[in-house]
Amino acid sequence: MQKKNFDDMQCPIARSLERVGEWWSILVLREAFYGSTRFDEFQQNLQIATNMLSRRLGDLVEQGLLERRQYCEKPPRYEYVLTQRGRDFRPVLLTLIDYGNKNFAPEGVGAELVDRATGKPVDLVLMDRNTGKAITAADHCVAPGPAAGERLHERLTRAAQRRAELNQEDVLVG
């Protein structure tokens, strides 16, 4: 079965999924954030087949999320280091940690974001850096951007109208 390509979609979620939407890729990025840089570290921590890990690392390098650097010449050995594009994925991982703890951890919290100074757990909230306001469904919505095409404008306008009719706050748009 051929994988659908999302690059042509005018959707930042679809385009992001094109790069990191495979679950092993997200787990490889998690390990990179936890400090893994070498193939054997990734393999040991993830318990992933070596051929799958090779593919995922190659894809993440190709997509510009990891950089492959040689650290030994004989034999040739490489490490994988997060690029700026890869480091920009950090808030997504932190949000997944928070979401997973709130919704899928019946045994309790396994890993959590804590304040380095106090050691206390963080109550994660998405904020607007410009205003300092927390992002809420009541105050914020997804709207067409400057590059949005006609189809996206229509979809987001219809969604805003439905939201107004239903007075729903958890709809992403409008």
Protein backbone atom coordinates (compact mmCIF):
# COMPACT_ATOMS: atom_id res chain seq x y z
CA MET A 1 0.00 0.00 0.00
CA GLN A 2 1.40 3.40 -0.99
CA LYS A 3 1.50 6.08 1.68
CA LYS A 4 -0.49 9.24 0.99
CA ASN A 5 1.70 12.33 0.65
CA PHE A 6 0.51 15.38 2.58
CA ASP A 7 3.03 17.90 1.19
CA ASP A 8 0.49 19.33 -1.26
CA MET A 9 -2.14 19.90 1.42
CA GLN A 10 -2.43 23.48 2.58
CA CYS A 11 -2.59 22.37 6.20
CA PRO A 12 0.22 22.78 8.74
CA ILE A 13 -0.96 19.71 10.66
CA ALA A 14 -0.87 17.49 7.55
CA ARG A 15 2.53 18.85 6.50
CA SER A 16 3.92 18.24 10.00
CA LEU A 17 2.53 14.71 10.00
CA GLU A 18 4.30 14.14 6.68
CA ARG A 19 7.57 14.65 8.57
CA VAL A 20 6.90 13.16 12.02
CA GLY A 21 3.58 11.32 11.79
CA GLU A 22 4.99 7.81 12.06
CA TRP A 23 5.02 6.83 15.76
CA TRP A 24 8.59 5.51 15.70
CA SER A 25 9.73 8.90 14.41
CA ILE A 26 8.12 10.67 17.36
CA LEU A 27 9.70 8.19 19.78
CA VAL A 28 13.12 8.66 18.14
CA LEU A 29 12.70 12.42 18.61
CA ARG A 30 11.72 11.82 22.23
CA GLU A 31 14.92 9.86 22.78
CA ALA A 32 16.95 12.62 21.09
CA PHE A 33 15.42 15.12 23.54
CA TYR A 34 16.31 12.75 26.39
CA GLY A 35 19.93 12.88 25.21
CA SER A 36 20.40 9.88 22.92
CA THR A 37 22.65 10.58 19.94
CA ARG A 38 24.05 7.22 18.89
CA PHE A 39 22.37 4.41 17.00
CA ASP A 40 22.90 1.84 19.75
CA GLU A 41 21.41 4.20 22.38
CA PHE A 42 18.29 4.71 20.30
CA GLN A 43 18.03 0.98 19.61
CA GLN A 44 18.49 0.00 23.24
CA ASN A 45 16.10 2.61 24.65
CA LEU A 46 13.37 1.98 22.09
CA GLN A 47 13.78 -1.77 21.61
CA ILE A 48 13.21 -1.12 17.90
CA ALA A 49 14.39 -3.33 15.05
CA THR A 50 17.64 -2.02 13.58
CA ASN A 51 16.25 -1.80 10.03
CA MET A 52 13.26 0.25 11.27
CA LEU A 53 15.54 2.52 13.30
CA SER A 54 17.80 3.05 10.29
CA ARG A 55 14.78 4.08 8.21
CA ARG A 56 13.42 6.42 10.88
CA LEU A 57 16.79 8.09 11.48
CA GLY A 58 17.29 8.47 7.73
CA ASP A 59 13.84 10.00 7.31
CA LEU A 60 14.37 12.43 10.20
CA VAL A 61 17.73 13.48 8.74
CA GLU A 62 16.14 13.89 5.29
CA GLN A 63 13.33 16.01 6.77
CA GLY A 64 15.85 18.22 8.57
CA LEU A 65 14.89 17.29 12.14
CA LEU A 66 18.14 15.48 12.90
CA GLU A 67 21.67 16.00 11.63
CA ARG A 68 23.97 13.04 11.06
CA ARG A 69 27.54 13.74 12.27
CA GLN A 70 30.53 11.44 12.04
CA TYR A 71 32.30 11.03 15.37
CA CYS A 72 34.68 8.18 14.50
CA GLU A 73 36.56 7.49 11.26
CA LYS A 74 37.70 3.89 11.75
CA PRO A 75 35.27 2.31 11.77
CA PRO A 76 32.98 5.09 10.56
CA ARG A 77 30.47 5.91 13.31
CA TYR A 78 27.77 8.56 13.36
CA GLU A 79 25.66 10.38 15.90
CA TYR A 80 22.30 12.03 15.37
CA VAL A 81 21.79 15.51 16.77
CA LEU A 82 18.63 17.62 16.83
CA THR A 83 18.58 20.52 14.37
CA GLN A 84 16.67 23.73 15.07
CA ARG A 85 13.70 22.23 13.21
CA GLY A 86 13.96 19.20 15.48
CA ARG A 87 14.25 21.34 18.63
CA ASP A 88 11.13 23.21 17.53
CA PHE A 89 9.25 19.91 18.06
CA ARG A 90 9.86 20.10 21.84
CA PRO A 91 6.54 21.81 22.70
CA VAL A 92 4.69 19.08 20.80
CA LEU A 93 6.42 16.37 22.84
CA LEU A 94 5.76 18.21 26.09
CA THR A 95 2.10 18.53 25.15
CA LEU A 96 1.95 14.80 24.34
CA ILE A 97 3.45 14.03 27.77
CA ASP A 98 0.82 16.18 29.46
CA TYR A 99 -2.01 14.78 27.33
CA GLY A 100 -0.91 11.19 27.89
CA ASN A 101 -0.65 11.69 31.66
CA LYS A 102 -4.11 13.24 31.84
CA ASN A 103 -5.86 10.72 29.62
CA PHE A 104 -3.95 7.45 29.32
CA ALA A 105 -2.03 6.77 32.55
CA PRO A 106 -4.29 4.71 34.84
CA GLU A 107 -1.22 3.55 36.77
CA GLY A 108 -0.12 7.16 37.39
CA VAL A 109 2.35 9.62 35.94
CA GLY A 110 5.43 8.01 34.40
CA ALA A 111 7.27 11.10 33.15
CA GLU A 112 6.32 14.71 33.72
CA LEU A 113 7.52 18.23 33.07
CA VAL A 114 8.85 19.86 36.25
CA ASP A 115 10.23 23.26 37.16
CA ARG A 116 14.03 22.89 37.46
CA ALA A 117 14.25 25.31 40.39
CA THR A 118 11.42 23.89 42.51
CA GLY A 119 11.11 20.34 41.22
CA LYS A 120 7.34 20.82 41.18
CA PRO A 121 5.21 19.54 38.28
CA VAL A 122 4.28 22.11 35.67
CA ASP A 123 0.63 22.78 34.84
CA LEU A 124 1.14 23.00 31.09
CA VAL A 125 -0.87 25.61 29.21
CA LEU A 126 -0.57 26.95 25.69
CA MET A 127 0.03 30.71 25.73
CA ASP A 128 0.18 33.58 23.29
CA ARG A 129 3.72 34.93 23.63
CA ASN A 130 2.53 38.36 22.41
CA THR A 131 -0.13 38.88 25.06
CA GLY A 132 0.75 36.36 27.75
CA LYS A 133 -2.85 35.07 27.58
CA ALA A 134 -3.59 31.38 27.84
CA ILE A 135 -5.01 29.95 24.63
CA THR A 136 -8.64 28.98 25.18
CA ALA A 137 -11.40 27.88 22.83
CA ALA A 138 -13.51 30.78 24.07
CA ASP A 139 -10.93 33.42 23.13
CA HIS A 140 -8.99 31.94 20.21
CA CYS A 141 -9.64 30.16 16.93
CA VAL A 142 -7.85 28.92 13.85
CA ALA A 143 -8.38 31.33 10.95
CA PRO A 144 -7.18 31.36 7.34
CA GLY A 145 -3.63 32.64 7.02
CA PRO A 146 -2.24 34.90 4.31
CA ALA A 147 -1.39 31.94 2.06
CA ALA A 148 -4.70 30.10 2.55
CA GLY A 149 -6.44 29.10 -0.64
CA GLU A 150 -10.12 29.49 -1.44
CA ARG A 151 -11.00 25.96 -0.30
CA LEU A 152 -9.44 26.47 3.12
CA HIS A 153 -11.15 29.86 3.49
CA GLU A 154 -14.51 28.20 2.74
CA ARG A 155 -13.91 25.32 5.18
CA LEU A 156 -12.86 27.59 8.01
CA THR A 157 -15.74 30.00 7.35
CA ARG A 158 -18.26 27.12 7.39
CA ALA A 159 -16.74 25.78 10.60
CA ALA A 160 -16.99 29.23 12.22
CA GLN A 161 -20.64 29.46 11.21
CA ARG A 162 -21.38 26.01 12.66
CA ARG A 163 -19.60 26.94 15.85
CA ALA A 164 -21.64 30.12 16.16
CA GLU A 165 -24.84 28.17 15.57
CA LEU A 166 -23.93 25.51 18.12
CA ASN A 167 -22.02 27.86 20.43
CA GLN A 168 -19.31 25.21 20.75
CA GLU A 169 -16.03 26.10 22.32
CA ASP A 170 -13.97 23.01 21.44
CA VAL A 171 -14.02 23.48 17.69
CA LEU A 172 -10.57 24.49 16.42
CA VAL A 173 -11.84 27.18 14.11
CA GLY A 174 -14.01 30.26 14.18
